[in-house]
Amino acid sequence: MKMKMLGAVALTTASLGATSAMADCGEVSITEMDWASSQVVTAVASFLMEQGYGCEVQKVPSSTVPALTSLAETGEPDILTEVWANSTPAYAGLLEEGKLIELTNVLSDGGVEAWWIPAYLAESNPELTTWEGIMANPAAVGGKFHDCPSGWACDIINNNNLTALGIEGTGLERFQHGSGETLQTSIAAAYADQQPWLGYYWAPTAVLGKYPMVQVQVGEYNADAHTCNGDVDCADPTFSAYPAAKVTTAVSGAFMEREPEVAELLKNVSFTNAQMGEVLAWRLDNNASNEEAAVYFLTSYKDVWADWLNDEAKGKLSALLK
């Protein structure tokens, strides 16, 4: 099955590559954030912009905070995919200034951010599903909190939350991973050896689909505390759980004026958590690239994305629409 699908991916990419030379919309820059679901969104959107709308797409490797800072200061990149808006305090200000235009909830169900332990650990030690239980025995979770990389919005929020909870000297240490890949791998490695694990993760992801995890009950969501915790200079961190996450695609104000047809496309590019989770699981199981995962989505979910396109783009992508 894997070879058949990857073969179809290669044929599809090669057969449609000839249309990419058509430059109807000009140059477009789009973020390629450093986590899997956003990378798939970027790959799907880029494919449709190139093959359906004739854009010359430049993917800009980035993460949330640097991308928003760049847009605020330079007006670029044009498109920000998968912005977890509730965890990014600068987002609302950029919307108010008109520097950023929100187009759609790219994850239509919203996202989930939380602190987790493996299901096998919760079954053997149910007390570890609460923060009080973890603090009573930090060694039972490995004495480590696995956290997201520098530059991610959750980096600042988790650090402030852990400061508010007073973990210094408790036997629990924050371990910040260098990339989303190593954070993902740490969960897989824990599962392989049935070892303790505690840390931050989010959904939809292939990892949480493949490796059952249980949320740690820490406390309630507090809007004011969460806003302060998103600021690296928060003077008085107070714990807050993550809210239900609004996950968006947004573009610069200049792009909205320059490329209205492409903006209309991007307003339609939206995935349910089930769809994204299935694509990410396929990507993980097949060790596939982002581009291969994008074509897997395009060939497997034609009834979903066909209505995203205008008539001209549908004509250009008619081979995939059959």
C-alpha atoms as a PDB file:
ATOM      1  CA  MET A   1       0.000   0.000   0.000  1.00  0.00           C
ATOM      2  CA  LYS A   2       2.837   2.352   0.914  1.00  0.00           C
ATOM      3  CA  MET A   3       4.658   1.871  -2.391  1.00  0.00           C
ATOM      4  CA  LYS A   4       1.432   2.223  -4.356  1.00  0.00           C
ATOM      5  CA  MET A   5       0.527   5.525  -2.683  1.00  0.00           C
ATOM      6  CA  LEU A   6       4.052   6.948  -2.850  1.00  0.00           C
ATOM      7  CA  GLY A   7       4.155   5.988  -6.508  1.00  0.00           C
ATOM      8  CA  ALA A   8       0.915   7.880  -7.073  1.00  0.00           C
ATOM      9  CA  VAL A   9       2.385  10.850  -5.249  1.00  0.00           C
ATOM     10  CA  ALA A  10       5.425  10.901  -7.537  1.00  0.00           C
ATOM     11  CA  LEU A  11       3.317  10.577 -10.684  1.00  0.00           C
ATOM     12  CA  THR A  12       0.903  13.285  -9.575  1.00  0.00           C
ATOM     13  CA  THR A  13       3.689  15.704  -8.698  1.00  0.00           C
ATOM     14  CA  ALA A  14       5.512  15.073 -11.969  1.00  0.00           C
ATOM     15  CA  SER A  15       2.415  15.286 -14.171  1.00  0.00           C
ATOM     16  CA  LEU A  16       1.314  18.594 -12.677  1.00  0.00           C
ATOM     17  CA  GLY A  17       4.759  20.151 -12.457  1.00  0.00           C
ATOM     18  CA  ALA A  18       4.549  21.566 -15.964  1.00  0.00           C
ATOM     19  CA  THR A  19       1.800  23.981 -14.966  1.00  0.00           C
ATOM     20  CA  SER A  20       3.903  25.668 -12.282  1.00  0.00           C
ATOM     21  CA  ALA A  21       5.649  27.844 -14.833  1.00  0.00           C
ATOM     22  CA  MET A  22       2.391  29.764 -15.362  1.00  0.00           C
ATOM     23  CA  ALA A  23       2.821  32.929 -13.286  1.00  0.00           C
ATOM     24  CA  ASP A  24      -0.691  34.345 -12.897  1.00  0.00           C
ATOM     25  CA  CYS A  25      -0.427  35.629  -9.349  1.00  0.00           C
ATOM     26  CA  GLY A  26       3.270  36.437  -8.995  1.00  0.00           C
ATOM     27  CA  GLU A  27       5.501  35.777  -6.003  1.00  0.00           C
ATOM     28  CA  VAL A  28       3.964  34.632  -2.725  1.00  0.00           C
ATOM     29  CA  SER A  29       5.737  33.929   0.573  1.00  0.00           C
ATOM     30  CA  ILE A  30       4.229  31.483   3.074  1.00  0.00           C
ATOM     31  CA  THR A  31       5.410  30.245   6.458  1.00  0.00           C
ATOM     32  CA  GLU A  32       6.631  26.698   6.893  1.00  0.00           C
ATOM     33  CA  MET A  33       6.289  26.389  10.665  1.00  0.00           C
ATOM     34  CA  ASP A  34       8.360  23.805  12.495  1.00  0.00           C
ATOM     35  CA  TRP A  35       5.589  21.347  13.389  1.00  0.00           C
ATOM     36  CA  ALA A  36       3.962  18.670  11.253  1.00  0.00           C
ATOM     37  CA  SER A  37       0.348  19.784  10.850  1.00  0.00           C
ATOM     38  CA  SER A  38       1.339  23.311   9.846  1.00  0.00           C
ATOM     39  CA  GLN A  39       3.844  21.912   7.366  1.00  0.00           C
ATOM     40  CA  VAL A  40       1.109  19.837   5.754  1.00  0.00           C
ATOM     41  CA  VAL A  41      -1.181  22.892   5.566  1.00  0.00           C
ATOM     42  CA  THR A  42       1.648  24.833   3.911  1.00  0.00           C
ATOM     43  CA  ALA A  43       2.381  22.024   1.452  1.00  0.00           C
ATOM     44  CA  VAL A  44      -1.293  21.667   0.449  1.00  0.00           C
ATOM     45  CA  ALA A  45      -1.813  25.426   0.113  1.00  0.00           C
ATOM     46  CA  SER A  46       1.435  25.824  -1.843  1.00  0.00           C
ATOM     47  CA  PHE A  47       0.508  23.035  -4.244  1.00  0.00           C
ATOM     48  CA  LEU A  48      -2.902  24.567  -4.941  1.00  0.00           C
ATOM     49  CA  MET A  49      -1.473  28.071  -5.321  1.00  0.00           C
ATOM     50  CA  GLU A  50       1.228  26.889  -7.713  1.00  0.00           C
ATOM     51  CA  GLN A  51      -0.773  24.435  -9.795  1.00  0.00           C
ATOM     52  CA  GLY A  52      -4.180  26.095  -9.679  1.00  0.00           C
ATOM     53  CA  TYR A  53      -3.388  29.797  -9.497  1.00  0.00           C
ATOM     54  CA  GLY A  54       0.049  30.028 -11.122  1.00  0.00           C
ATOM     55  CA  CYS A  55       1.817  31.490  -8.089  1.00  0.00           C
ATOM     56  CA  GLU A  56       5.553  31.380  -7.543  1.00  0.00           C
ATOM     57  CA  VAL A  57       5.608  30.238  -3.918  1.00  0.00           C
ATOM     58  CA  GLN A  58       8.487  30.786  -1.514  1.00  0.00           C
ATOM     59  CA  LYS A  59       8.297  28.755   1.696  1.00  0.00           C
ATOM     60  CA  VAL A  60       9.798  30.571   4.682  1.00  0.00           C
ATOM     61  CA  PRO A  61      10.954  28.277   7.526  1.00  0.00           C
ATOM     62  CA  SER A  62       9.809  29.890  10.766  1.00  0.00           C
ATOM     63  CA  SER A  63       7.872  29.549  13.999  1.00  0.00           C
ATOM     64  CA  THR A  64       5.054  31.609  15.468  1.00  0.00           C
ATOM     65  CA  VAL A  65       6.809  34.425  17.320  1.00  0.00           C
ATOM     66  CA  PRO A  66       9.497  35.160  14.687  1.00  0.00           C
ATOM     67  CA  ALA A  67       6.903  35.035  11.886  1.00  0.00           C
ATOM     68  CA  LEU A  68       4.620  37.550  13.592  1.00  0.00           C
ATOM     69  CA  THR A  69       7.575  39.783  14.458  1.00  0.00           C
ATOM     70  CA  SER A  70       8.748  39.707  10.856  1.00  0.00           C
ATOM     71  CA  LEU A  71       5.287  40.538   9.536  1.00  0.00           C
ATOM     72  CA  ALA A  72       4.922  43.412  11.999  1.00  0.00           C
ATOM     73  CA  GLU A  73       8.289  44.897  11.027  1.00  0.00           C
ATOM     74  CA  THR A  74       8.558  44.098   7.311  1.00  0.00           C
ATOM     75  CA  GLY A  75       5.074  43.073   6.096  1.00  0.00           C
ATOM     76  CA  GLU A  76       6.360  39.604   5.228  1.00  0.00           C
ATOM     77  CA  PRO A  77       5.794  36.702   4.939  1.00  0.00           C
ATOM     78  CA  ASP A  78       2.533  37.140   3.031  1.00  0.00           C
ATOM     79  CA  ILE A  79       0.771  34.105   4.543  1.00  0.00           C
ATOM     80  CA  LEU A  80       0.939  32.665   8.056  1.00  0.00           C
ATOM     81  CA  THR A  81      -0.388  29.118   8.254  1.00  0.00           C
ATOM     82  CA  GLU A  82      -1.691  27.541  11.444  1.00  0.00           C
ATOM     83  CA  VAL A  83      -1.374  30.384  13.929  1.00  0.00           C
ATOM     84  CA  TRP A  84      -2.550  29.244  17.366  1.00  0.00           C
ATOM     85  CA  ALA A  85      -4.147  32.613  18.024  1.00  0.00           C
ATOM     86  CA  ASN A  86      -5.104  32.203  21.699  1.00  0.00           C
ATOM     87  CA  SER A  87      -1.491  31.484  22.610  1.00  0.00           C
ATOM     88  CA  THR A  88      -0.059  34.425  20.699  1.00  0.00           C
ATOM     89  CA  PRO A  89      -0.701  37.790  22.398  1.00  0.00           C
ATOM     90  CA  ALA A  90       0.742  39.832  19.501  1.00  0.00           C
ATOM     91  CA  TYR A  91      -1.841  38.374  17.104  1.00  0.00           C
ATOM     92  CA  ALA A  92      -4.809  40.490  18.227  1.00  0.00           C
ATOM     93  CA  GLY A  93      -2.798  43.709  18.067  1.00  0.00           C
ATOM     94  CA  LEU A  94      -1.690  43.037  14.495  1.00  0.00           C
ATOM     95  CA  LEU A  95      -5.310  42.388  13.515  1.00  0.00           C
ATOM     96  CA  GLU A  96      -6.378  45.687  15.065  1.00  0.00           C
ATOM     97  CA  GLU A  97      -3.628  47.558  13.205  1.00  0.00           C
ATOM     98  CA  GLY A  98      -4.663  45.985   9.903  1.00  0.00           C
ATOM     99  CA  LYS A  99      -1.201  44.518   9.380  1.00  0.00           C
ATOM    100  CA  LEU A 100      -2.730  41.051   9.588  1.00  0.00           C
ATOM    101  CA  ILE A 101      -6.022  39.802   8.125  1.00  0.00           C
ATOM    102  CA  GLU A 102      -7.575  36.625   9.528  1.00  0.00           C
ATOM    103  CA  LEU A 103      -8.959  34.426   6.753  1.00  0.00           C
ATOM    104  CA  THR A 104     -10.185  31.177   8.274  1.00  0.00           C
ATOM    105  CA  ASN A 105     -10.055  28.652  11.094  1.00  0.00           C
ATOM    106  CA  VAL A 106      -7.628  26.332   9.346  1.00  0.00           C
ATOM    107  CA  LEU A 107      -8.374  23.619  11.936  1.00  0.00           C
ATOM    108  CA  SER A 108     -12.151  23.820  11.912  1.00  0.00           C
ATOM    109  CA  ASP A 109     -12.545  21.933  15.208  1.00  0.00           C
ATOM    110  CA  GLY A 110      -9.924  24.062  16.923  1.00  0.00           C
ATOM    111  CA  GLY A 111      -6.780  22.720  18.526  1.00  0.00           C
ATOM    112  CA  VAL A 112      -6.011  21.195  21.909  1.00  0.00           C
ATOM    113  CA  GLU A 113      -2.992  22.212  23.996  1.00  0.00           C
ATOM    114  CA  ALA A 114      -2.328  20.528  27.313  1.00  0.00           C
ATOM    115  CA  TRP A 115       0.122  18.745  29.601  1.00  0.00           C
ATOM    116  CA  TRP A 116       0.057  14.967  29.254  1.00  0.00           C
ATOM    117  CA  ILE A 117       1.315  11.649  30.594  1.00  0.00           C
ATOM    118  CA  PRO A 118       1.186   8.315  28.698  1.00  0.00           C
ATOM    119  CA  ALA A 119      -1.999   6.282  29.149  1.00  0.00           C
ATOM    120  CA  TYR A 120      -0.050   3.315  30.557  1.00  0.00           C
ATOM    121  CA  LEU A 121       1.382   5.580  33.270  1.00  0.00           C
ATOM    122  CA  ALA A 122      -2.076   6.913  34.116  1.00  0.00           C
ATOM    123  CA  GLU A 123      -3.385   3.359  34.395  1.00  0.00           C
ATOM    124  CA  SER A 124      -0.609   2.184  36.718  1.00  0.00           C
ATOM    125  CA  ASN A 125      -0.398   5.444  38.699  1.00  0.00           C
ATOM    126  CA  PRO A 126      -3.759   7.249  38.481  1.00  0.00           C
ATOM    127  CA  GLU A 127      -2.629   9.846  41.022  1.00  0.00           C
ATOM    128  CA  LEU A 128      -0.262  11.209  38.347  1.00  0.00           C
ATOM    129  CA  THR A 129      -3.215  12.519  36.353  1.00  0.00           C
ATOM    130  CA  THR A 130      -3.297  15.458  38.804  1.00  0.00           C
ATOM    131  CA  TRP A 131      -0.601  18.071  39.422  1.00  0.00           C
ATOM    132  CA  GLU A 132      -0.768  17.412  43.160  1.00  0.00           C
ATOM    133  CA  GLY A 133      -0.010  13.750  42.516  1.00  0.00           C
ATOM    134  CA  ILE A 134       2.974  14.642  40.323  1.00  0.00           C
ATOM    135  CA  MET A 135       4.394  17.063  42.896  1.00  0.00           C
ATOM    136  CA  ALA A 136       4.085  14.358  45.566  1.00  0.00           C
ATOM    137  CA  ASN A 137       6.351  12.091  43.509  1.00  0.00           C
ATOM    138  CA  PRO A 138       8.163  13.863  40.611  1.00  0.00           C
ATOM    139  CA  ALA A 139      10.392  10.839  40.073  1.00  0.00           C
ATOM    140  CA  ALA A 140       7.326   8.876  38.951  1.00  0.00           C
ATOM    141  CA  VAL A 141       7.147  11.036  35.798  1.00  0.00           C
ATOM    142  CA  GLY A 142      10.908  10.872  35.275  1.00  0.00           C
ATOM    143  CA  GLY A 143      11.681  14.134  37.071  1.00  0.00           C
ATOM    144  CA  LYS A 144      11.373  15.999  33.799  1.00  0.00           C
ATOM    145  CA  PHE A 145       8.862  18.243  32.020  1.00  0.00           C
ATOM    146  CA  HIS A 146       9.295  17.889  28.252  1.00  0.00           C
ATOM    147  CA  ASP A 147       8.705  21.318  26.740  1.00  0.00           C
ATOM    148  CA  CYS A 148       8.465  22.846  23.276  1.00  0.00           C
ATOM    149  CA  PRO A 149      11.335  24.536  21.423  1.00  0.00           C
ATOM    150  CA  SER A 150      12.436  28.141  21.755  1.00  0.00           C
ATOM    151  CA  GLY A 151      10.469  30.455  19.471  1.00  0.00           C
ATOM    152  CA  TRP A 152       7.175  28.638  19.914  1.00  0.00           C
ATOM    153  CA  ALA A 153       4.445  30.513  21.763  1.00  0.00           C
ATOM    154  CA  CYS A 154       4.094  27.579  24.200  1.00  0.00           C
ATOM    155  CA  ASP A 155       7.750  28.025  25.203  1.00  0.00           C
ATOM    156  CA  ILE A 156       6.945  31.301  26.978  1.00  0.00           C
ATOM    157  CA  ILE A 157       3.548  30.183  28.303  1.00  0.00           C
ATOM    158  CA  ASN A 158       4.768  26.891  29.749  1.00  0.00           C
ATOM    159  CA  ASN A 159       7.801  28.531  31.342  1.00  0.00           C
ATOM    160  CA  ASN A 160       5.607  31.111  33.071  1.00  0.00           C
ATOM    161  CA  ASN A 161       3.103  28.438  34.127  1.00  0.00           C
ATOM    162  CA  LEU A 162       5.870  26.298  35.625  1.00  0.00           C
ATOM    163  CA  THR A 163       7.268  29.372  37.392  1.00  0.00           C
ATOM    164  CA  ALA A 164       3.808  30.086  38.807  1.00  0.00           C
ATOM    165  CA  LEU A 165       3.573  26.502  40.057  1.00  0.00           C
ATOM    166  CA  GLY A 166       6.966  26.837  41.764  1.00  0.00           C
ATOM    167  CA  ILE A 167       8.771  23.786  40.400  1.00  0.00           C
ATOM    168  CA  GLU A 168      12.254  25.035  41.337  1.00  0.00           C
ATOM    169  CA  GLY A 169      13.763  22.699  43.904  1.00  0.00           C
ATOM    170  CA  THR A 170      10.904  20.181  43.709  1.00  0.00           C
ATOM    171  CA  GLY A 171      12.781  17.522  41.772  1.00  0.00           C
ATOM    172  CA  LEU A 172      10.967  18.341  38.536  1.00  0.00           C
ATOM    173  CA  GLU A 173      13.027  20.100  35.873  1.00  0.00           C
ATOM    174  CA  ARG A 174      11.967  21.721  32.614  1.00  0.00           C
ATOM    175  CA  PHE A 175      13.672  20.134  29.596  1.00  0.00           C
ATOM    176  CA  GLN A 176      13.307  22.217  26.461  1.00  0.00           C
ATOM    177  CA  HIS A 177      13.565  20.283  23.210  1.00  0.00           C
ATOM    178  CA  GLY A 178      15.500  21.700  20.292  1.00  0.00           C
ATOM    179  CA  SER A 179      12.821  20.905  17.723  1.00  0.00           C
ATOM    180  CA  GLY A 180       9.308  19.593  17.303  1.00  0.00           C
ATOM    181  CA  GLU A 181      10.806  16.374  15.957  1.00  0.00           C
ATOM    182  CA  THR A 182      12.763  15.599  19.124  1.00  0.00           C
ATOM    183  CA  LEU A 183       9.729  16.404  21.290  1.00  0.00           C
ATOM    184  CA  GLN A 184       7.716  13.957  19.181  1.00  0.00           C
ATOM    185  CA  THR A 185      10.467  11.350  19.338  1.00  0.00           C
ATOM    186  CA  SER A 186      10.599  11.569  23.126  1.00  0.00           C
ATOM    187  CA  ILE A 187       6.980  10.349  23.325  1.00  0.00           C
ATOM    188  CA  ALA A 188       7.640   7.501  20.898  1.00  0.00           C
ATOM    189  CA  ALA A 189      10.761   6.499  22.839  1.00  0.00           C
ATOM    190  CA  ALA A 190       8.876   6.536  26.153  1.00  0.00           C
ATOM    191  CA  TYR A 191       6.198   4.303  24.663  1.00  0.00           C
ATOM    192  CA  ALA A 192       8.751   1.889  23.207  1.00  0.00           C
ATOM    193  CA  ASP A 193      10.204   1.240  26.669  1.00  0.00           C
ATOM    194  CA  GLN A 194       7.060   2.007  28.746  1.00  0.00           C
ATOM    195  CA  GLN A 195       8.988   4.737  30.538  1.00  0.00           C
ATOM    196  CA  PRO A 196       7.659   7.756  32.497  1.00  0.00           C
ATOM    197  CA  TRP A 197       6.961  10.936  30.520  1.00  0.00           C
ATOM    198  CA  LEU A 198       5.398  14.301  31.346  1.00  0.00           C
ATOM    199  CA  GLY A 199       5.162  17.299  29.070  1.00  0.00           C
ATOM    200  CA  TYR A 200       3.410  19.575  26.653  1.00  0.00           C
ATOM    201  CA  TYR A 201       1.838  18.469  23.373  1.00  0.00           C
ATOM    202  CA  TRP A 202      -1.055  19.397  21.140  1.00  0.00           C
ATOM    203  CA  ALA A 203      -3.681  17.912  18.812  1.00  0.00           C
ATOM    204  CA  PRO A 204      -4.370  17.118  16.063  1.00  0.00           C
ATOM    205  CA  THR A 205      -1.114  15.228  15.658  1.00  0.00           C
ATOM    206  CA  ALA A 206      -0.086  11.806  14.452  1.00  0.00           C
ATOM    207  CA  VAL A 207       1.701  11.250  17.758  1.00  0.00           C
ATOM    208  CA  LEU A 208      -1.383  11.581  19.950  1.00  0.00           C
ATOM    209  CA  GLY A 209      -3.309   9.475  17.474  1.00  0.00           C
ATOM    210  CA  LYS A 210      -0.723   6.717  17.613  1.00  0.00           C
ATOM    211  CA  TYR A 211       0.304   6.957  21.280  1.00  0.00           C
ATOM    212  CA  PRO A 212      -2.637   7.385  23.721  1.00  0.00           C
ATOM    213  CA  MET A 213      -1.974  10.153  26.230  1.00  0.00           C
ATOM    214  CA  VAL A 214      -3.978  11.427  29.217  1.00  0.00           C
ATOM    215  CA  GLN A 215      -4.298  15.105  30.136  1.00  0.00           C
ATOM    216  CA  VAL A 216      -2.941  16.143  33.511  1.00  0.00           C
ATOM    217  CA  GLN A 217      -5.526  18.032  35.568  1.00  0.00           C
ATOM    218  CA  VAL A 218      -3.700  21.150  36.682  1.00  0.00           C
ATOM    219  CA  GLY A 219      -6.187  23.990  36.991  1.00  0.00           C
ATOM    220  CA  GLU A 220      -8.748  26.137  35.217  1.00  0.00           C
ATOM    221  CA  TYR A 221      -8.312  28.549  32.334  1.00  0.00           C
ATOM    222  CA  ASN A 222      -7.840  32.150  33.434  1.00  0.00           C
ATOM    223  CA  ALA A 223      -7.945  34.640  30.560  1.00  0.00           C
ATOM    224  CA  ASP A 224      -5.923  37.406  32.254  1.00  0.00           C
ATOM    225  CA  ALA A 225      -3.299  34.991  33.546  1.00  0.00           C
ATOM    226  CA  HIS A 226      -2.993  33.290  30.166  1.00  0.00           C
ATOM    227  CA  THR A 227      -2.479  36.642  28.440  1.00  0.00           C
ATOM    228  CA  CYS A 228       0.277  37.617  30.874  1.00  0.00           C
ATOM    229  CA  ASN A 229       1.897  34.182  30.616  1.00  0.00           C
ATOM    230  CA  GLY A 230       2.237  34.677  26.866  1.00  0.00           C
ATOM    231  CA  ASP A 231       4.557  37.638  27.503  1.00  0.00           C
ATOM    232  CA  VAL A 232       8.217  36.892  28.151  1.00  0.00           C
ATOM    233  CA  ASP A 233       8.229  39.915  30.483  1.00  0.00           C
ATOM    234  CA  CYS A 234       5.168  38.825  32.508  1.00  0.00           C
ATOM    235  CA  ALA A 235       5.899  40.300  35.942  1.00  0.00           C
ATOM    236  CA  ASP A 236       3.646  38.069  38.007  1.00  0.00           C
ATOM    237  CA  PRO A 237       2.943  34.686  36.365  1.00  0.00           C
ATOM    238  CA  THR A 238      -0.224  32.974  37.569  1.00  0.00           C
ATOM    239  CA  PHE A 239      -1.120  29.486  36.405  1.00  0.00           C
ATOM    240  CA  SER A 240      -3.726  29.098  33.677  1.00  0.00           C
ATOM    241  CA  ALA A 241      -4.707  26.061  31.644  1.00  0.00           C
ATOM    242  CA  TYR A 242      -4.766  26.496  27.894  1.00  0.00           C
ATOM    243  CA  PRO A 243      -8.069  27.596  26.348  1.00  0.00           C
ATOM    244  CA  ALA A 244      -9.694  25.730  23.502  1.00  0.00           C
ATOM    245  CA  ALA A 245      -7.409  26.843  20.715  1.00  0.00           C
ATOM    246  CA  LYS A 246      -8.456  28.962  17.773  1.00  0.00           C
ATOM    247  CA  VAL A 247      -6.127  27.984  14.924  1.00  0.00           C
ATOM    248  CA  THR A 248      -6.092  30.262  11.912  1.00  0.00           C
ATOM    249  CA  THR A 249      -4.572  31.145   8.585  1.00  0.00           C
ATOM    250  CA  ALA A 250      -3.878  34.861   8.290  1.00  0.00           C
ATOM    251  CA  VAL A 251      -2.291  37.087   5.649  1.00  0.00           C
ATOM    252  CA  SER A 252      -0.707  40.508   5.523  1.00  0.00           C
ATOM    253  CA  GLY A 253      -2.947  43.432   4.663  1.00  0.00           C
ATOM    254  CA  ALA A 254      -0.826  44.112   1.568  1.00  0.00           C
ATOM    255  CA  PHE A 255      -1.253  40.537   0.313  1.00  0.00           C
ATOM    256  CA  MET A 256      -5.026  40.746   0.739  1.00  0.00           C
ATOM    257  CA  GLU A 257      -5.097  43.733  -1.615  1.00  0.00           C
ATOM    258  CA  ARG A 258      -2.538  42.310  -4.053  1.00  0.00           C
ATOM    259  CA  GLU A 259      -3.867  38.763  -4.452  1.00  0.00           C
ATOM    260  CA  PRO A 260      -7.608  38.701  -3.685  1.00  0.00           C
ATOM    261  CA  GLU A 261      -8.236  35.507  -5.722  1.00  0.00           C
ATOM    262  CA  VAL A 262      -5.587  33.592  -3.812  1.00  0.00           C
ATOM    263  CA  ALA A 263      -6.906  35.006  -0.533  1.00  0.00           C
ATOM    264  CA  GLU A 264     -10.341  33.592  -1.471  1.00  0.00           C
ATOM    265  CA  LEU A 265      -8.725  30.183  -1.938  1.00  0.00           C
ATOM    266  CA  LEU A 266      -7.011  30.387   1.444  1.00  0.00           C
ATOM    267  CA  LYS A 267     -10.304  31.271   3.139  1.00  0.00           C
ATOM    268  CA  ASN A 268     -11.504  27.797   2.131  1.00  0.00           C
ATOM    269  CA  VAL A 269      -8.423  25.779   3.123  1.00  0.00           C
ATOM    270  CA  SER A 270      -9.594  24.142   6.344  1.00  0.00           C
ATOM    271  CA  PHE A 271      -9.186  20.668   7.864  1.00  0.00           C
ATOM    272  CA  THR A 272     -11.098  18.803  10.539  1.00  0.00           C
ATOM    273  CA  ASN A 273      -8.962  17.306  13.295  1.00  0.00           C
ATOM    274  CA  ALA A 274      -9.906  13.830  12.054  1.00  0.00           C
ATOM    275  CA  GLN A 275      -8.751  14.615   8.510  1.00  0.00           C
ATOM    276  CA  MET A 276      -5.488  16.153   9.653  1.00  0.00           C
ATOM    277  CA  GLY A 277      -4.827  13.384  12.151  1.00  0.00           C
ATOM    278  CA  GLU A 278      -5.329  10.743   9.455  1.00  0.00           C
ATOM    279  CA  VAL A 279      -2.960  12.500   7.038  1.00  0.00           C
ATOM    280  CA  LEU A 280      -0.341  12.951   9.746  1.00  0.00           C
ATOM    281  CA  ALA A 281      -0.583   9.306  10.770  1.00  0.00           C
ATOM    282  CA  TRP A 282      -0.059   8.293   7.120  1.00  0.00           C
ATOM    283  CA  ARG A 283       2.935  10.625   6.900  1.00  0.00           C
ATOM    284  CA  LEU A 284       4.460   9.185  10.063  1.00  0.00           C
ATOM    285  CA  ASP A 285       3.833   5.544   9.188  1.00  0.00           C
ATOM    286  CA  ASN A 286       5.270   5.978   5.683  1.00  0.00           C
ATOM    287  CA  ASN A 287       8.166   8.254   6.629  1.00  0.00           C
ATOM    288  CA  ALA A 288       6.815  10.578   3.936  1.00  0.00           C
ATOM    289  CA  SER A 289       7.759  14.156   3.131  1.00  0.00           C
ATOM    290  CA  ASN A 290       5.430  17.114   3.583  1.00  0.00           C
ATOM    291  CA  GLU A 291       4.892  17.244  -0.173  1.00  0.00           C
ATOM    292  CA  GLU A 292       4.023  13.538  -0.278  1.00  0.00           C
ATOM    293  CA  ALA A 293       1.571  14.029   2.593  1.00  0.00           C
ATOM    294  CA  ALA A 294       0.002  16.951   0.707  1.00  0.00           C
ATOM    295  CA  VAL A 295      -0.529  14.866  -2.419  1.00  0.00           C
ATOM    296  CA  TYR A 296      -1.868  12.014  -0.267  1.00  0.00           C
ATOM    297  CA  PHE A 297      -4.462  14.460   1.057  1.00  0.00           C
ATOM    298  CA  LEU A 298      -5.237  15.780  -2.430  1.00  0.00           C
ATOM    299  CA  THR A 299      -5.716  12.322  -3.886  1.00  0.00           C
ATOM    300  CA  SER A 300      -7.635  10.947  -0.870  1.00  0.00           C
ATOM    301  CA  TYR A 301      -9.925  13.903  -0.102  1.00  0.00           C
ATOM    302  CA  LYS A 302     -10.939  15.225  -3.510  1.00  0.00           C
ATOM    303  CA  ASP A 303     -14.502  15.806  -2.338  1.00  0.00           C
ATOM    304  CA  VAL A 304     -13.168  18.087   0.418  1.00  0.00           C
ATOM    305  CA  TRP A 305     -10.827  20.390  -1.470  1.00  0.00           C
ATOM    306  CA  ALA A 306     -12.498  20.558  -4.903  1.00  0.00           C
ATOM    307  CA  ASP A 307     -14.887  23.241  -3.642  1.00  0.00           C
ATOM    308  CA  TRP A 308     -11.995  25.329  -2.344  1.00  0.00           C
ATOM    309  CA  LEU A 309     -11.058  26.348  -5.907  1.00  0.00           C
ATOM    310  CA  ASN A 310     -12.454  28.825  -8.409  1.00  0.00           C
ATOM    311  CA  ASP A 311     -13.521  27.522 -11.838  1.00  0.00           C
ATOM    312  CA  GLU A 312     -10.248  28.420 -13.567  1.00  0.00           C
ATOM    313  CA  ALA A 313      -8.179  26.603 -10.950  1.00  0.00           C
ATOM    314  CA  LYS A 314     -10.495  23.592 -11.168  1.00  0.00           C
ATOM    315  CA  GLY A 315      -9.765  23.491 -14.898  1.00  0.00           C
ATOM    316  CA  LYS A 316      -6.012  23.481 -14.278  1.00  0.00           C
ATOM    317  CA  LEU A 317      -6.340  20.698 -11.701  1.00  0.00           C
ATOM    318  CA  SER A 318      -8.907  18.694 -13.618  1.00  0.00           C
ATOM    319  CA  ALA A 319      -6.638  15.616 -13.695  1.00  0.00           C
ATOM    320  CA  LEU A 320      -6.843  15.396  -9.909  1.00  0.00           C
ATOM    321  CA  LEU A 321     -10.569  16.145  -9.817  1.00  0.00           C
ATOM    322  CA  LYS A 322     -11.562  13.084 -11.858  1.00  0.00           C
END
